[in-house]
Protein backbone atom coordinates (compact mmCIF):
# COMPACT_ATOMS: atom_id res chain seq x y z
CA MET A 1 128.48 69.24 55.32
CA ARG A 2 127.24 68.73 51.79
CA THR A 3 123.95 70.13 50.55
CA ASP A 4 122.68 71.90 47.45
CA GLY A 5 119.24 72.50 48.93
CA VAL A 6 117.84 76.04 48.95
CA GLN A 7 114.83 75.54 51.24
CA ILE A 8 114.63 76.92 54.77
CA VAL A 9 112.09 75.67 57.32
CA PRO A 10 109.10 78.02 57.92
CA GLU A 11 110.03 78.84 61.53
CA ALA A 12 113.51 79.96 60.39
CA VAL A 13 112.00 82.08 57.58
CA SER A 14 109.74 83.76 60.11
CA ALA A 15 112.71 84.51 62.37
CA ILE A 16 114.64 86.01 59.44
CA ARG A 17 111.75 88.28 58.43
CA ASN A 18 111.30 89.50 62.00
CA LEU A 19 115.02 90.25 62.33
CA VAL A 20 115.18 92.14 59.01
CA THR A 21 112.11 94.18 60.00
CA GLY A 22 113.66 95.05 63.34
CA LEU A 23 117.01 96.04 61.83
CA TYR A 24 115.94 97.90 58.68
CA GLY A 25 112.19 98.50 58.76
CA ASN A 26 109.05 97.05 57.15
CA ARG A 27 109.94 98.18 53.63
CA TYR A 28 112.90 95.78 53.53
CA VAL A 29 110.67 92.72 53.92
CA PRO A 30 108.49 91.52 50.98
CA PRO A 31 104.76 90.96 51.59
CA SER A 32 105.15 87.16 51.49
CA PRO A 33 108.10 84.83 52.21
CA ARG A 34 110.34 84.01 49.29
CA GLN A 35 110.49 80.40 48.06
CA TYR A 36 113.47 79.10 46.07
CA GLU A 37 113.96 76.06 43.87
CA ALA A 38 117.24 74.41 42.89
CA LYS A 39 118.11 74.50 39.19
CA ALA A 40 120.39 71.46 39.31
CA LYS A 41 118.90 68.09 38.43
CA ASN A 42 118.63 65.52 41.18
CA ALA A 43 119.42 68.17 43.80
CA GLN A 44 119.26 67.16 47.46
CA GLU A 45 115.89 68.78 48.08
CA ALA A 46 115.43 66.81 51.31
CA HIS A 47 118.26 68.75 52.94
CA GLU A 48 117.82 72.22 54.38
CA ALA A 49 120.07 75.01 53.15
CA ILE A 50 123.14 75.92 55.19
CA ARG A 51 122.14 78.69 57.59
CA PRO A 52 122.83 80.02 61.11
CA THR A 53 120.92 78.25 63.88
CA ASP A 54 120.28 81.51 65.74
CA PHE A 55 119.92 84.62 63.57
CA SER A 56 120.14 86.98 66.53
CA LYS A 57 123.85 86.11 66.84
CA ALA A 58 125.24 88.74 64.49
CA PRO A 59 128.76 88.29 63.07
CA GLU A 60 130.23 91.02 65.28
CA LYS A 61 129.01 89.14 68.37
CA VAL A 62 130.55 85.79 67.54
CA SER A 63 133.71 86.88 65.65
CA ARG A 64 135.80 87.05 68.84
CA TYR A 65 135.13 83.35 69.48
CA LEU A 66 136.17 82.20 65.99
CA GLU A 67 139.29 82.02 63.89
CA PRO A 68 139.54 84.82 61.26
CA ASP A 69 138.61 82.56 58.34
CA ALA A 70 135.75 80.96 60.26
CA ALA A 71 134.44 84.41 61.24
CA LYS A 72 134.44 85.51 57.58
CA LEU A 73 132.58 82.35 56.59
CA TYR A 74 129.98 82.84 59.32
CA LYS A 75 129.47 86.47 58.24
CA LEU A 76 128.97 85.38 54.62
CA ILE A 77 126.36 82.75 55.57
CA TRP A 78 124.57 85.13 57.96
CA GLN A 79 124.35 87.97 55.43
CA ARG A 80 123.28 85.80 52.49
CA THR A 81 120.61 84.06 54.56
CA LEU A 82 119.09 87.36 55.66
CA ALA A 83 119.35 88.85 52.16
CA SER A 84 117.49 85.84 50.71
CA GLN A 85 114.31 86.99 52.48
CA ALA A 86 114.75 90.75 51.95
CA SER A 87 112.97 92.95 49.38
CA SER A 88 114.32 93.39 45.87
CA ALA A 89 116.49 96.37 45.06
CA GLU A 90 115.17 99.03 42.67
CA ILE A 91 117.85 100.22 40.24
CA GLU A 92 117.22 102.72 37.43
CA ARG A 93 119.59 102.67 34.48
CA THR A 94 119.90 106.08 32.85
CA SER A 95 121.45 107.39 29.64
CA ALA A 96 121.73 111.13 29.14
CA ASP A 97 122.44 112.47 25.61
CA ILE A 98 123.60 116.10 25.63
CA ASP A 99 124.14 118.22 22.51
CA VAL A 100 126.96 120.74 22.83
CA ALA A 101 127.99 123.45 20.36
CA GLY A 102 131.73 123.68 19.90
CA LYS A 103 133.81 126.81 19.43
CA ASP A 104 133.85 126.16 15.70
CA GLY A 105 130.07 126.19 15.66
CA LYS A 106 129.76 122.45 14.98
CA PRO A 107 127.41 120.41 17.18
CA TYR A 108 128.93 117.69 19.30
CA GLY A 109 127.19 114.93 21.23
CA VAL A 110 128.07 113.91 24.76
CA ARG A 111 126.60 110.80 26.38
CA ALA A 112 126.63 109.89 30.06
CA THR A 113 125.49 106.40 31.07
CA GLY A 114 124.99 105.13 34.57
CA SER A 115 122.57 103.78 37.12
CA VAL A 116 120.77 105.15 40.10
CA ILE A 117 119.74 103.02 43.09
CA ARG A 118 116.22 104.10 43.94
CA PHE A 119 115.88 101.57 46.76
CA ASP A 120 118.73 99.38 48.00
CA GLY A 121 116.59 96.48 49.32
CA PHE A 122 118.66 93.35 49.95
CA LEU A 123 121.81 95.30 48.97
CA LYS A 124 121.52 96.92 52.38
CA ILE A 125 122.45 93.54 53.88
CA TYR A 126 124.66 91.86 51.30
CA GLU A 127 126.01 92.77 47.87
CA GLU A 128 127.38 89.95 45.74
CA GLY A 129 130.97 90.49 44.68
CA VAL A 130 131.80 90.51 40.98
CA ASP A 131 134.93 89.22 39.27
CA ASP A 132 135.00 91.82 36.50
CA VAL A 133 133.39 95.19 35.98
CA VAL A 134 131.64 95.11 32.60
CA GLY A 135 131.57 98.54 31.02
CA GLU A 136 132.29 101.84 32.69
CA ASP A 137 128.85 102.64 34.04
CA GLY A 138 128.82 104.52 37.30
CA ALA A 139 126.28 106.23 39.51
CA LEU A 140 124.56 109.23 37.98
CA PRO A 141 122.87 111.99 39.96
CA ALA A 142 119.13 112.43 39.57
CA LEU A 143 118.41 114.35 36.37
CA SER A 144 115.39 116.48 35.56
CA GLN A 145 114.37 118.34 32.44
CA GLY A 146 115.63 121.91 32.41
CA ASP A 147 118.53 121.32 34.85
CA ALA A 148 121.52 123.57 34.24
CA LEU A 149 124.72 121.85 33.16
CA ASP A 150 127.98 122.28 35.01
CA PRO A 151 130.69 121.25 32.51
CA ARG A 152 133.70 120.44 34.68
CA THR A 153 135.63 117.96 32.56
CA ILE A 154 134.90 116.39 29.19
CA GLU A 155 137.26 113.64 28.06
CA ALA A 156 137.45 112.14 24.59
CA LYS A 157 138.25 108.43 24.94
CA GLN A 158 138.73 105.76 22.32
CA HIS A 159 136.97 102.51 23.17
CA PHE A 160 138.03 99.06 22.00
CA THR A 161 135.90 95.97 22.29
CA GLU A 162 137.56 93.51 24.66
CA PRO A 163 137.20 89.73 24.69
CA PRO A 164 135.26 88.11 27.52
CA PRO A 165 137.35 87.70 30.68
CA ARG A 166 138.94 84.35 31.45
CA TYR A 167 137.17 81.99 33.77
CA SER A 168 137.71 82.22 37.48
CA GLU A 169 136.93 79.23 39.68
CA ALA A 170 133.50 80.70 40.49
CA THR A 171 132.54 81.49 36.88
CA LEU A 172 133.83 78.10 35.69
CA ILE A 173 131.60 76.31 38.20
CA LYS A 174 128.67 78.46 37.11
CA LYS A 175 129.30 77.51 33.48
CA MET A 176 129.50 73.81 34.41
CA GLU A 177 126.15 74.13 36.15
CA GLU A 178 124.63 75.68 33.01
CA LEU A 179 125.98 72.84 30.85
CA GLY A 180 124.78 70.18 33.28
CA ILE A 181 128.29 68.91 34.01
CA GLY A 182 129.05 67.39 37.41
CA ARG A 183 127.41 67.88 40.77
CA PRO A 184 128.08 70.37 43.59
CA SER A 185 130.06 67.70 45.42
CA THR A 186 132.40 67.19 42.44
CA TYR A 187 133.25 70.79 41.54
CA ALA A 188 135.95 71.23 44.19
CA THR A 189 137.58 67.92 43.18
CA THR A 190 137.56 68.91 39.52
CA LEU A 191 139.31 72.21 40.22
CA ASN A 192 141.86 70.50 42.49
CA VAL A 193 142.76 68.06 39.72
CA LEU A 194 143.30 70.93 37.27
CA ARG A 195 145.70 72.61 39.70
CA GLU A 196 147.54 69.55 41.05
CA ARG A 197 148.26 68.14 37.58
CA ASP A 198 149.51 71.54 36.37
CA TYR A 199 146.84 71.75 33.67
CA VAL A 200 146.15 75.38 34.63
CA ARG A 201 147.77 78.15 36.62
CA ILE A 202 145.94 80.80 38.64
CA ASP A 203 146.94 84.41 38.15
CA LYS A 204 144.88 87.16 39.82
CA LYS A 205 142.08 84.64 40.42
CA ARG A 206 141.97 83.77 36.71
CA LEU A 207 142.56 80.33 35.19
CA TYR A 208 145.20 80.21 32.44
CA PRO A 209 145.88 76.95 30.57
CA GLU A 210 149.37 75.49 30.84
CA ASP A 211 151.07 73.67 27.97
CA LYS A 212 150.45 70.34 29.68
CA GLY A 213 146.72 71.07 29.84
CA ARG A 214 146.64 72.16 26.20
CA LEU A 215 148.34 68.91 25.14
CA VAL A 216 145.93 66.71 27.08
CA THR A 217 142.92 68.63 25.73
CA ALA A 218 144.21 68.48 22.14
CA PHE A 219 144.86 64.74 22.41
CA LEU A 220 141.38 64.05 23.78
CA GLU A 221 139.71 66.28 21.17
CA SER A 222 141.64 64.54 18.37
CA PHE A 223 141.09 60.92 19.37
CA PHE A 224 138.36 60.83 22.04
CA LYS A 225 136.19 63.73 20.89
CA ARG A 226 132.91 62.10 21.86
CA TYR A 227 133.96 61.75 25.49
CA VAL A 228 134.94 65.40 26.03
CA GLU A 229 131.84 66.94 24.48
CA TYR A 230 129.52 68.81 26.83
CA ASP A 231 126.42 66.80 25.94
CA PHE A 232 128.18 63.49 26.65
CA THR A 233 128.79 64.37 30.30
CA ALA A 234 125.33 65.87 30.72
CA ASP A 235 123.73 62.82 29.07
CA LEU A 236 125.69 60.46 31.33
CA GLU A 237 124.61 62.44 34.40
CA GLU A 238 120.99 62.07 33.28
CA LYS A 239 121.42 58.31 32.87
CA LEU A 240 122.91 58.07 36.36
CA ASP A 241 119.83 59.90 37.68
CA LEU A 242 117.60 57.35 35.95
CA ILE A 243 119.63 54.51 37.45
CA SER A 244 119.26 55.98 40.95
CA ALA A 245 115.50 56.30 40.33
CA GLY A 246 115.28 52.64 39.25
CA GLU A 247 114.20 53.49 35.71
CA LEU A 248 117.34 52.23 33.95
CA GLU A 249 119.60 49.19 34.36
CA TRP A 250 123.16 50.10 35.28
CA LYS A 251 124.55 47.08 33.42
CA ASP A 252 123.03 48.33 30.18
CA VAL A 253 124.64 51.75 30.64
CA LEU A 254 128.07 50.23 31.35
CA ARG A 255 127.81 47.85 28.40
CA ASP A 256 126.91 50.61 25.94
CA PHE A 257 129.68 52.87 27.24
CA TRP A 258 132.37 50.19 27.21
CA ARG A 259 131.53 48.91 23.72
CA ASP A 260 132.18 52.31 22.11
CA PHE A 261 135.04 53.30 24.40
CA ILE A 262 137.13 50.14 23.92
CA GLY A 263 136.68 50.54 20.18
CA ALA A 264 138.17 54.03 20.34
CA VAL A 265 141.06 52.79 22.51
CA ASN A 266 141.88 49.96 20.11
CA GLU A 267 141.80 52.36 17.18
CA ILE A 268 144.35 54.64 18.89
CA GLY A 269 146.54 51.67 19.75
CA ASP A 270 147.06 50.98 16.05
CA LEU A 271 148.49 54.46 15.41
CA ARG A 272 152.17 55.28 15.43
CA ILE A 273 153.51 58.00 17.72
CA THR A 274 154.37 60.17 14.70
CA GLN A 275 150.73 60.11 13.57
CA VAL A 276 149.61 61.27 17.00
CA LEU A 277 152.21 64.06 17.06
CA ASP A 278 151.21 65.21 13.57
CA ALA A 279 147.61 65.52 14.69
CA LEU A 280 148.67 67.54 17.75
CA ASN A 281 150.93 69.75 15.57
CA ASP A 282 147.95 70.65 13.39
CA LEU A 283 145.57 71.31 16.27
CA LEU A 284 148.05 73.28 18.41
CA GLY A 285 149.80 74.96 15.48
CA PRO A 286 148.84 78.59 16.31
CA HIS A 287 150.00 78.06 19.90
CA ILE A 288 153.17 76.02 19.34
CA PHE A 289 154.30 77.81 16.16
CA PRO A 290 153.01 81.40 16.56
CA ASP A 291 153.22 83.84 13.68
CA THR A 292 156.04 86.29 14.39
CA GLY A 293 154.80 88.77 11.79
CA GLN A 294 157.97 88.37 9.71
CA GLY A 295 156.41 86.04 7.15
CA GLY A 296 157.82 82.72 6.02
CA ASP A 297 157.28 79.25 7.38
CA THR A 298 156.56 79.35 11.12
CA ARG A 299 157.79 75.76 11.45
CA ALA A 300 161.21 76.36 9.85
CA CYS A 301 164.07 75.60 12.23
CA PRO A 302 165.80 78.87 13.22
CA SER A 303 169.09 77.03 13.86
CA CYS A 304 169.82 74.92 10.78
CA GLY A 305 167.24 76.50 8.42
CA GLU A 306 166.59 73.13 6.75
CA GLY A 307 164.61 71.10 9.28
CA ARG A 308 161.03 71.60 10.38
CA LEU A 309 159.96 72.13 13.95
CA SER A 310 157.67 69.51 15.42
CA LEU A 311 156.22 68.47 18.75
CA LYS A 312 158.36 65.82 20.45
CA VAL A 313 158.02 63.77 23.61
CA GLY A 314 160.93 63.20 25.98
CA LYS A 315 161.62 61.84 29.43
CA PHE A 316 160.61 65.10 31.09
CA GLY A 317 157.59 65.96 28.95
CA ALA A 318 156.77 67.51 25.60
CA PHE A 319 158.92 70.06 23.79
CA VAL A 320 159.56 71.40 20.28
CA GLY A 321 162.56 70.07 18.35
CA CYS A 322 164.06 70.03 14.87
CA SER A 323 163.37 67.19 12.45
CA ASN A 324 167.11 67.07 11.55
CA TYR A 325 168.07 65.64 14.95
CA PRO A 326 170.80 64.58 15.80
CA ASP A 327 172.55 66.83 13.25
CA CYS A 328 170.57 69.78 14.61
CA ARG A 329 169.94 69.85 18.36
CA TYR A 330 167.68 72.90 18.45
CA THR A 331 164.96 72.60 21.13
CA ARG A 332 162.64 74.98 22.96
CA GLN A 333 159.55 74.93 25.12
CA LEU A 334 156.13 74.52 23.54
CA ALA A 335 154.98 78.13 23.36
CA GLU A 336 157.45 80.99 23.41
CA THR A 337 156.34 84.54 22.67
CA GLY A 338 157.75 87.97 23.46
CA ASP A 339 160.66 88.00 25.90
CA LYS A 340 160.54 84.23 26.40
CA ALA A 341 160.96 83.65 22.67
CA ALA A 342 164.02 85.88 22.68
CA LEU A 343 165.46 83.90 25.57
CA ALA A 344 164.74 80.60 23.80
CA ASP A 345 166.81 81.69 20.78
CA GLY A 346 169.53 83.18 22.97
CA LYS A 347 170.14 86.67 24.29
CA VAL A 348 173.83 87.44 23.86
CA LEU A 349 175.40 89.15 26.87
CA GLY A 350 178.97 89.48 25.59
CA THR A 351 182.15 87.48 25.08
CA ASP A 352 184.07 85.38 27.59
CA PRO A 353 187.55 86.99 27.82
CA ASP A 354 189.25 83.62 28.43
CA THR A 355 187.73 81.57 25.59
CA GLY A 356 186.45 84.24 23.20
CA LEU A 357 183.07 82.47 23.05
CA GLU A 358 179.73 84.27 23.25
CA VAL A 359 177.84 84.13 26.54
CA SER A 360 174.04 84.03 26.22
CA VAL A 361 170.94 83.70 28.38
CA ARG A 362 168.43 81.08 27.26
CA THR A 363 165.43 79.19 28.50
CA GLY A 364 164.74 75.49 28.17
CA ARG A 365 162.49 72.76 29.46
CA PHE A 366 163.98 73.09 32.95
CA GLY A 367 163.95 76.89 33.16
CA PRO A 368 166.37 79.73 32.31
CA TYR A 369 170.13 79.18 32.08
CA VAL A 370 173.34 80.76 30.76
CA GLN A 371 175.35 79.16 27.96
CA LEU A 372 178.94 79.49 26.73
CA GLY A 373 179.25 79.21 22.95
CA GLU A 374 177.28 76.83 20.72
CA ALA A 375 177.15 73.08 20.15
CA VAL A 376 180.08 71.80 18.06
CA ASP A 377 180.09 68.33 16.46
CA GLY A 378 177.27 67.22 18.71
CA GLU A 379 179.12 68.31 21.87
CA LYS A 380 176.88 70.25 24.25
CA PRO A 381 178.24 73.65 25.31
CA LYS A 382 178.89 74.54 28.96
CA ARG A 383 175.75 75.69 30.76
CA GLY A 384 174.82 77.03 34.18
CA SER A 385 171.35 77.16 35.72
CA ILE A 386 169.94 80.49 36.86
CA PRO A 387 168.78 80.10 40.49
CA LYS A 388 165.12 80.54 41.37
CA GLY A 389 164.19 84.09 42.27
CA ASN A 390 166.67 85.61 39.81
CA ASP A 391 165.22 87.55 36.87
CA PRO A 392 166.81 86.24 33.63
CA ASP A 393 166.50 89.73 32.09
CA ALA A 394 168.62 91.16 34.92
CA ILE A 395 171.56 88.77 34.35
CA ASP A 396 174.64 90.59 33.02
CA LEU A 397 177.93 89.25 31.65
CA SER A 398 179.78 89.20 34.98
CA ARG A 399 176.95 87.33 36.70
CA ALA A 400 176.71 84.87 33.82
CA LEU A 401 180.45 84.13 34.02
CA GLN A 402 180.06 83.49 37.76
CA LEU A 403 177.31 80.95 37.08
CA LEU A 404 179.35 79.27 34.35
CA SER A 405 182.29 78.92 36.75
CA LEU A 406 180.27 76.59 39.00
CA PRO A 407 180.84 74.24 40.66
CA ARG A 408 183.46 76.32 42.53
CA GLU A 409 186.27 74.68 44.48
CA VAL A 410 186.09 75.95 48.07
CA GLY A 411 189.19 74.19 49.38
CA ILE A 412 190.70 70.84 50.34
CA HIS A 413 189.23 68.79 53.18
CA PRO A 414 191.94 68.29 55.84
CA GLU A 415 190.91 64.71 56.65
CA THR A 416 190.53 63.19 53.19
CA GLY A 417 192.60 65.53 51.05
CA LYS A 418 189.74 65.67 48.55
CA PRO A 419 188.29 68.95 47.20
CA ILE A 420 185.14 70.62 48.53
CA LEU A 421 182.88 72.06 45.81
CA ALA A 422 180.02 74.59 45.94
CA GLY A 423 177.22 74.85 43.38
CA TYR A 424 173.50 74.71 42.63
CA GLY A 425 171.49 71.49 42.58
CA ARG A 426 167.97 70.15 42.58
CA TYR A 427 167.30 71.36 46.12
CA GLY A 428 169.17 74.65 45.84
CA PRO A 429 172.72 75.77 46.79
CA TYR A 430 175.04 73.14 48.30
CA VAL A 431 178.58 72.14 49.22
CA LEU A 432 179.88 68.74 48.12
CA HIS A 433 182.66 66.56 49.43
CA ASP A 434 183.36 62.92 48.61
CA GLY A 435 179.81 62.35 47.34
CA LYS A 436 178.16 63.93 50.40
CA TYR A 437 176.10 67.11 50.19
CA ALA A 438 175.17 69.84 52.68
CA SER A 439 172.72 72.67 51.93
CA LEU A 440 173.65 76.35 51.99
CA SER A 441 171.25 78.95 53.35
CA THR A 442 171.23 81.41 50.41
CA PRO A 443 172.12 81.25 46.69
CA GLU A 444 174.80 83.94 47.12
CA GLU A 445 176.61 81.79 49.68
CA VAL A 446 177.76 79.56 46.81
CA PHE A 447 180.23 82.31 45.83
CA GLU A 448 181.09 83.36 49.40
CA VAL A 449 181.35 80.20 51.51
CA GLY A 450 184.83 79.38 52.81
CA ALA A 451 186.52 76.10 53.69
CA ASN A 452 185.85 76.34 57.46
CA ARG A 453 182.14 77.02 56.97
CA ALA A 454 181.83 74.23 54.39
CA ILE A 455 183.60 71.68 56.65
CA SER A 456 181.34 72.66 59.55
CA LEU A 457 178.18 72.20 57.41
CA LEU A 458 179.34 68.81 56.18
CA ALA A 459 180.12 67.68 59.73
CA GLU A 460 176.69 68.81 60.97
CA LYS A 461 175.03 67.04 58.06
CA ALA A 462 176.89 63.82 58.84
CA ALA A 463 175.85 64.04 62.51
CA ASN A 464 172.19 64.59 61.60
CA ARG A 465 172.02 61.92 58.91
CA SER A 466 169.11 59.54 59.38
CA PRO A 467 170.00 55.85 59.77
CA ARG A 468 167.68 55.05 56.85
CA GLY A 469 169.60 57.30 54.45
CA ALA A 470 167.48 60.48 54.72
CA THR A 471 169.42 63.74 54.74
CA VAL A 472 168.63 66.90 56.65
CA ILE A 473 167.81 69.86 54.40
CA LYS A 474 166.90 72.38 57.09
CA GLU A 475 166.72 72.61 60.89
CA LEU A 476 163.58 74.49 62.01
CA GLY A 477 164.17 74.43 65.79
CA GLU A 478 162.15 73.21 68.77
CA HIS A 479 158.47 72.30 68.35
CA PRO A 480 156.44 75.12 69.98
CA GLU A 481 154.06 72.73 71.76
CA GLY A 482 155.51 69.25 72.07
CA GLY A 483 159.19 70.10 72.26
CA GLY A 484 161.85 68.23 70.32
CA LYS A 485 163.51 69.36 67.11
CA VAL A 486 161.61 69.78 63.84
CA GLN A 487 163.54 69.03 60.65
CA VAL A 488 163.06 69.17 56.91
CA LEU A 489 164.56 66.03 55.38
CA SER A 490 165.00 64.48 51.95
CA GLY A 491 164.17 60.80 51.81
CA ARG A 492 163.66 58.06 49.31
CA TYR A 493 160.23 59.35 48.30
CA GLY A 494 160.99 63.08 48.39
CA PRO A 495 161.21 65.89 50.97
CA TYR A 496 159.26 65.74 54.25
CA VAL A 497 159.11 67.27 57.73
CA LYS A 498 159.84 65.23 60.85
CA HIS A 499 159.05 65.63 64.55
CA ALA A 500 159.62 62.76 66.99
CA LYS A 501 158.20 59.70 65.19
CA ILE A 502 155.85 61.62 62.89
CA ASN A 503 156.80 62.21 59.22
CA ALA A 504 154.67 64.47 57.02
CA THR A 505 155.23 64.73 53.26
CA LEU A 506 155.68 68.21 51.81
CA PRO A 507 153.29 69.40 49.05
CA LYS A 508 154.64 69.02 45.54
CA ASP A 509 154.71 72.75 44.88
CA ARG A 510 156.57 73.67 48.12
CA GLU A 511 160.33 74.20 48.13
CA PRO A 512 161.95 72.36 51.10
CA GLU A 513 164.34 75.23 51.86
CA GLN A 514 161.45 77.71 52.23
CA VAL A 515 159.35 75.72 54.73
CA THR A 516 158.62 77.63 57.94
CA MET A 517 158.00 76.29 61.45
CA GLU A 518 154.30 77.23 61.23
CA GLU A 519 153.84 75.22 58.03
CA ALA A 520 155.74 72.25 59.45
CA VAL A 521 153.62 72.23 62.64
CA GLU A 522 150.41 72.24 60.57
CA LEU A 523 151.60 69.37 58.36
CA ILE A 524 152.74 67.33 61.37
CA ALA A 525 149.42 67.93 63.19
CA ALA A 526 147.44 66.89 60.11
CA ARG A 527 149.53 63.73 59.74
CA ALA A 528 149.14 62.90 63.44
CA ALA A 529 145.35 63.30 63.19
CA LYS A 530 145.23 60.58 60.52
CA GLY A 531 146.75 58.07 62.94
CA PRO A 532 149.46 55.50 62.24
CA ALA A 533 149.59 53.81 58.87
CA LYS A 534 147.91 50.44 58.78
CA LYS A 535 150.33 47.60 58.33
CA LYS A 536 149.43 44.67 56.14
CA VAL A 537 148.92 41.50 58.13
CA ALA A 538 151.04 38.73 56.71
CA LYS A 539 149.23 35.51 56.01
CA LYS A 540 150.38 32.63 58.17
CA ALA A 541 152.04 29.84 56.30
CA PRO A 542 150.44 26.42 56.77
CA ALA A 543 152.03 24.50 59.65
CA LYS A 544 154.37 21.72 58.69
CA LYS A 545 153.14 18.22 59.40
CA THR A 546 155.03 16.49 62.16
CA ALA A 547 156.27 12.96 61.82
CA ALA A 548 153.82 11.81 64.54
CA LYS A 549 150.82 13.23 62.68
CA ARG A 550 151.91 11.60 59.43
CA THR A 551 152.24 8.24 61.23
CA ALA A 552 148.79 8.73 62.80
CA LYS A 553 147.18 9.36 59.43
CA LYS A 554 148.77 6.21 57.99
CA ALA A 555 147.38 4.25 60.90
CA VAL A 556 143.90 5.66 60.30
CA ARG A 557 144.01 4.66 56.66
CA LYS A 558 145.00 1.07 57.56
CA THR A 559 142.13 0.40 59.96
CA GLY A 560 138.55 0.00 58.80
CA LYS A 561 136.50 1.04 61.81
CA ALA A 562 136.15 4.57 63.08
CA GLY A 563 136.73 3.64 66.70
CA LYS A 564 139.82 1.64 65.94
CA SER A 565 141.07 4.45 63.67
CA LYS A 566 140.89 6.87 66.55
CA GLU A 567 142.68 4.48 68.91
CA ALA A 568 145.39 3.76 66.33
CA ALA A 569 145.91 7.41 65.72
CA GLU A 570 146.21 8.20 69.44
CA GLU A 571 148.59 5.30 69.99
CA ALA A 572 150.77 6.35 67.06
CA ALA A 573 150.85 9.96 68.20
CA SER A 574 151.90 8.93 71.74
């Protein structure tokens, strides 16, 4: 259902008012029905607002027939619909200034600020949740002149002005509505794109920009500024409204847009990559090269001391590197502050007793890792990845040496005489033999697995290998409804779950080893509901001409009359 209408039919309004009167009394219903108008342009005013069909069915009556999430949604719609026709709340904001004489005889001022609800009105039915509490105002008791004070506690607090809170999904949509950007039907898609492309991350319901999002925004602001301005989107929405109303030609709008846009694209095409990176370095300077408070050039390379740090683009994305490459191979992630910055430069854990080299914990483009020594003559030092779920700050010297010792030789395979190795890979802990992998259940098993266990895992993996080359990552067990085993596999196009003949791709942000049976059943059911994939119908090649048909056509060309042509053709074909 899609509607941004706010109107409710008169008979439904009457039913709401009667129900509110019966539940809470006459005072909770305003003298006349409330009428609402949509603020958004081109809103679907012809559609009625989303509401319950029968208001007498309270949430507690229908909740036992619904799933938990559906019951919560129904309760929200029911409460908001009733509150929309209830009386306004009456809230009195109060500030009390009290003069107090101190022990030293000096006067001191005490202020108490708060609010008092004189009449709850629609708040009796539904109170809108808030993302952030602004200020420290609370409820004050009713005050009258001449009341005696009861000083229980007086606290002296220092107050600092705080910046506005970051956007949540709800407040971002509200801001987009104020700026005239998008439509109600596009807001969910916009937020999904921000999450799926890793432009933002969500922490405690707040949106925080990721480095990838900052780069894209900086690039667009530097070279396509006109197309990311608020008024451009709002102006385009207005033109689309005029097109839908028949007051503007859509071809004119497309022509005007394309003429300016292709000019901007051609202008960017003439730039070199270094010019683009220089522009991004200037715009993202405070973020990429933060001031450490120690003075000096923030872009000076901390490794060689001679080169300058700059934004660079590699196979796996953007990073910061030294201009003296390849002589200096210093690299780090885009923005490193606090503990992450310390990890980027290396946190020394101690010295390896065998080699005498320093062992350090660092972080790079692919996450945290441990390193033995430093690069010498362009040769990269030995490194070991820190498994997911392990806190880099908690890694000590003994643990780091364990990670650097990987891959570990488990034993010799009795059939081939080749070694079996254990280590960490793209999909987690594994054992390897003769180019064939088998997954381990836990990261610690890399250091504990024996030869018998490893041989057994490799044999099971070989038995479960798909004929098309897919490998089994995890066995989930029997399907709870349809029977048959459910597996997590790795195929040509990534990890997926399989049951019978149904394959369902795993979400990009889901680790294959952590998939549960419940998640797999949901993915398989969703894939089955879509039906089988449509196969492209191959076009039939034109039939080859037979020798008889070619002879018939020659005969037709030789004769002059239509009747004789037909007879000649039939005779030749026979």
